[in-house]
Amino acid sequence: MKKILIIDDEELIVKVLSLRLEGEGYEVMQSYDGNDGLDKAIKFKPDLAIVDLGLPKVDGNTICDVLKKNEKTKGIKIIILTGKKLMYDMEKAFESGADAYISKPYEFPLLLQKIKKLIG
């Protein structure tokens, strides 16, 4: 079973997304701030992390950067899921190592398609 870590400070988004992904057969872990999310990513090595940019403690770009530069976690695929829509934000996310970028509000079928493309 593929593991997905959701790191987002909006509780409703995390809960709804978790339920939908579990319904698709994924094992889901949750985190509500960047520091905790980074710890969980390093400890549990999920196949994919869905990360918000604007997080408390550690922001999404820093999480991307740290995970992609660490030999043990560089294989984790990262989807940035954020309300930030500026081209600069998107470019910075990809520079930090994001594998995909989706703006909120998002459509679940599009997100699921990206997840399947990245980890099956």
C-alpha atoms as a PDB file:
ATOM      1  CA  MET A   1       0.000   0.000   0.000  1.00  0.00           C
ATOM      2  CA  LYS A   2       1.380   3.403  -1.024  1.00  0.00           C
ATOM      3  CA  LYS A   3       1.815   5.960   1.775  1.00  0.00           C
ATOM      4  CA  ILE A   4       0.882   9.626   1.446  1.00  0.00           C
ATOM      5  CA  LEU A   5       1.720  12.351   3.953  1.00  0.00           C
ATOM      6  CA  ILE A   6      -0.492  15.462   3.947  1.00  0.00           C
ATOM      7  CA  ILE A   7       1.074  18.577   5.468  1.00  0.00           C
ATOM      8  CA  ASP A   8      -1.428  21.447   5.643  1.00  0.00           C
ATOM      9  CA  ASP A   9      -2.523  23.771   8.442  1.00  0.00           C
ATOM     10  CA  GLU A  10      -6.153  23.786   7.258  1.00  0.00           C
ATOM     11  CA  GLU A  11      -7.728  20.949   9.235  1.00  0.00           C
ATOM     12  CA  LEU A  12     -10.762  20.581   6.962  1.00  0.00           C
ATOM     13  CA  ILE A  13      -8.595  20.153   3.862  1.00  0.00           C
ATOM     14  CA  VAL A  14      -6.485  17.500   5.614  1.00  0.00           C
ATOM     15  CA  LYS A  15      -9.539  15.564   6.849  1.00  0.00           C
ATOM     16  CA  VAL A  16     -11.437  15.603   3.538  1.00  0.00           C
ATOM     17  CA  LEU A  17      -8.346  14.772   1.503  1.00  0.00           C
ATOM     18  CA  SER A  18      -7.419  11.947   3.888  1.00  0.00           C
ATOM     19  CA  LEU A  19     -10.858  10.347   3.576  1.00  0.00           C
ATOM     20  CA  ARG A  20     -10.846  10.587  -0.211  1.00  0.00           C
ATOM     21  CA  LEU A  21      -7.315   9.178  -0.556  1.00  0.00           C
ATOM     22  CA  GLU A  22      -8.019   6.344   1.891  1.00  0.00           C
ATOM     23  CA  GLY A  23     -11.077   5.582  -0.240  1.00  0.00           C
ATOM     24  CA  GLU A  24      -8.697   5.232  -3.202  1.00  0.00           C
ATOM     25  CA  GLY A  25      -6.618   2.691  -1.271  1.00  0.00           C
ATOM     26  CA  TYR A  26      -3.751   4.846   0.014  1.00  0.00           C
ATOM     27  CA  GLU A  27      -2.396   4.846   3.573  1.00  0.00           C
ATOM     28  CA  VAL A  28      -2.549   8.462   4.778  1.00  0.00           C
ATOM     29  CA  MET A  29      -0.604  10.312   7.475  1.00  0.00           C
ATOM     30  CA  GLN A  30      -1.467  13.823   8.595  1.00  0.00           C
ATOM     31  CA  SER A  31       0.473  16.827   9.814  1.00  0.00           C
ATOM     32  CA  TYR A  32      -0.605  20.393  10.529  1.00  0.00           C
ATOM     33  CA  ASP A  33       2.711  22.274  10.619  1.00  0.00           C
ATOM     34  CA  GLY A  34       5.973  22.182   8.707  1.00  0.00           C
ATOM     35  CA  ASN A  35       8.186  21.073  11.576  1.00  0.00           C
ATOM     36  CA  ASP A  36       6.037  18.046  12.437  1.00  0.00           C
ATOM     37  CA  GLY A  37       5.537  17.285   8.732  1.00  0.00           C
ATOM     38  CA  LEU A  38       9.274  17.235   8.108  1.00  0.00           C
ATOM     39  CA  ASP A  39       9.802  14.907  11.086  1.00  0.00           C
ATOM     40  CA  LYS A  40       7.094  12.526   9.837  1.00  0.00           C
ATOM     41  CA  ALA A  41       8.483  12.543   6.283  1.00  0.00           C
ATOM     42  CA  ILE A  42      11.957  11.629   7.518  1.00  0.00           C
ATOM     43  CA  LYS A  43      10.691   9.006   9.994  1.00  0.00           C
ATOM     44  CA  PHE A  44       8.032   7.287   7.851  1.00  0.00           C
ATOM     45  CA  LYS A  45       9.365   7.947   4.320  1.00  0.00           C
ATOM     46  CA  PRO A  46       6.011   8.192   2.521  1.00  0.00           C
ATOM     47  CA  ASP A  47       5.875   7.573  -1.226  1.00  0.00           C
ATOM     48  CA  LEU A  48       4.403  11.042  -1.682  1.00  0.00           C
ATOM     49  CA  ALA A  49       3.869  14.213   0.343  1.00  0.00           C
ATOM     50  CA  ILE A  50       1.152  16.776  -0.353  1.00  0.00           C
ATOM     51  CA  VAL A  51       2.500  20.018   1.045  1.00  0.00           C
ATOM     52  CA  ASP A  52       1.010  23.494   1.526  1.00  0.00           C
ATOM     53  CA  LEU A  53       3.399  26.431   1.008  1.00  0.00           C
ATOM     54  CA  GLY A  54       2.121  28.681   3.808  1.00  0.00           C
ATOM     55  CA  LEU A  55       2.716  26.504   6.865  1.00  0.00           C
ATOM     56  CA  PRO A  56       3.464  27.405  10.469  1.00  0.00           C
ATOM     57  CA  LYS A  57       7.057  26.799  11.689  1.00  0.00           C
ATOM     58  CA  VAL A  58       8.606  25.566   8.414  1.00  0.00           C
ATOM     59  CA  ASP A  59       7.233  26.602   4.983  1.00  0.00           C
ATOM     60  CA  GLY A  60       6.517  24.224   2.104  1.00  0.00           C
ATOM     61  CA  ASN A  61       9.499  25.265  -0.032  1.00  0.00           C
ATOM     62  CA  THR A  62      11.886  24.565   2.839  1.00  0.00           C
ATOM     63  CA  ILE A  63      10.291  21.132   3.331  1.00  0.00           C
ATOM     64  CA  CYS A  64      10.808  20.376  -0.378  1.00  0.00           C
ATOM     65  CA  ASP A  65      14.387  21.553  -0.241  1.00  0.00           C
ATOM     66  CA  VAL A  66      15.280  19.540   2.876  1.00  0.00           C
ATOM     67  CA  LEU A  67      13.620  16.326   1.660  1.00  0.00           C
ATOM     68  CA  LYS A  68      15.109  16.464  -1.836  1.00  0.00           C
ATOM     69  CA  LYS A  69      18.652  17.135  -0.557  1.00  0.00           C
ATOM     70  CA  ASN A  70      18.548  14.296   2.004  1.00  0.00           C
ATOM     71  CA  GLU A  71      19.823  10.987   0.611  1.00  0.00           C
ATOM     72  CA  LYS A  72      17.189   9.024   2.606  1.00  0.00           C
ATOM     73  CA  THR A  73      14.164  11.105   1.528  1.00  0.00           C
ATOM     74  CA  LYS A  74      15.040  12.417  -1.941  1.00  0.00           C
ATOM     75  CA  GLY A  75      12.817   9.759  -3.543  1.00  0.00           C
ATOM     76  CA  ILE A  76       9.664  11.110  -1.896  1.00  0.00           C
ATOM     77  CA  LYS A  77       7.465  12.700  -4.557  1.00  0.00           C
ATOM     78  CA  ILE A  78       6.107  16.119  -3.557  1.00  0.00           C
ATOM     79  CA  ILE A  79       2.925  17.836  -4.708  1.00  0.00           C
ATOM     80  CA  ILE A  80       2.555  21.440  -3.609  1.00  0.00           C
ATOM     81  CA  LEU A  81      -1.126  22.161  -2.891  1.00  0.00           C
ATOM     82  CA  THR A  82      -1.521  25.861  -2.161  1.00  0.00           C
ATOM     83  CA  GLY A  83      -3.681  28.934  -2.411  1.00  0.00           C
ATOM     84  CA  LYS A  84      -0.715  30.857  -3.852  1.00  0.00           C
ATOM     85  CA  LYS A  85      -1.246  31.406  -7.552  1.00  0.00           C
ATOM     86  CA  LEU A  86       1.621  33.679  -8.582  1.00  0.00           C
ATOM     87  CA  MET A  87       4.106  32.451 -11.192  1.00  0.00           C
ATOM     88  CA  TYR A  88       6.907  33.305  -8.739  1.00  0.00           C
ATOM     89  CA  ASP A  89       5.474  30.933  -6.127  1.00  0.00           C
ATOM     90  CA  MET A  90       5.234  28.133  -8.670  1.00  0.00           C
ATOM     91  CA  GLU A  91       8.779  28.677  -9.956  1.00  0.00           C
ATOM     92  CA  LYS A  92      10.172  28.759  -6.416  1.00  0.00           C
ATOM     93  CA  ALA A  93       8.352  25.509  -5.560  1.00  0.00           C
ATOM     94  CA  PHE A  94       9.837  23.724  -8.587  1.00  0.00           C
ATOM     95  CA  GLU A  95      13.302  25.132  -7.788  1.00  0.00           C
ATOM     96  CA  SER A  96      12.912  23.676  -4.281  1.00  0.00           C
ATOM     97  CA  GLY A  97      12.238  20.244  -5.772  1.00  0.00           C
ATOM     98  CA  ALA A  98       8.443  19.946  -6.065  1.00  0.00           C
ATOM     99  CA  ASP A  99       7.255  17.316  -8.542  1.00  0.00           C
ATOM    100  CA  ALA A 100       3.862  18.973  -9.142  1.00  0.00           C
ATOM    101  CA  TYR A 101       2.022  22.193  -8.238  1.00  0.00           C
ATOM    102  CA  ILE A 102      -1.741  22.474  -7.779  1.00  0.00           C
ATOM    103  CA  SER A 103      -3.613  25.613  -6.760  1.00  0.00           C
ATOM    104  CA  LYS A 104      -6.457  25.685  -4.233  1.00  0.00           C
ATOM    105  CA  PRO A 105      -9.339  25.408  -4.585  1.00  0.00           C
ATOM    106  CA  TYR A 106      -8.379  22.150  -6.276  1.00  0.00           C
ATOM    107  CA  GLU A 107     -10.335  19.492  -8.116  1.00  0.00           C
ATOM    108  CA  PHE A 108      -9.861  16.048  -6.575  1.00  0.00           C
ATOM    109  CA  PRO A 109      -9.804  14.152  -9.923  1.00  0.00           C
ATOM    110  CA  LEU A 110      -6.900  16.343 -11.091  1.00  0.00           C
ATOM    111  CA  LEU A 111      -4.997  15.787  -7.837  1.00  0.00           C
ATOM    112  CA  LEU A 112      -5.647  12.030  -7.990  1.00  0.00           C
ATOM    113  CA  GLN A 113      -4.426  11.940 -11.584  1.00  0.00           C
ATOM    114  CA  LYS A 114      -1.144  13.629 -10.521  1.00  0.00           C
ATOM    115  CA  ILE A 115      -0.751  11.225  -7.579  1.00  0.00           C
ATOM    116  CA  LYS A 116      -1.282   8.176  -9.814  1.00  0.00           C
ATOM    117  CA  LYS A 117       1.177   9.554 -12.357  1.00  0.00           C
ATOM    118  CA  LEU A 118       3.829  10.060  -9.649  1.00  0.00           C
ATOM    119  CA  ILE A 119       3.423   6.923  -7.496  1.00  0.00           C
ATOM    120  CA  GLY A 120       0.802   4.710  -9.133  1.00  0.00           C
END
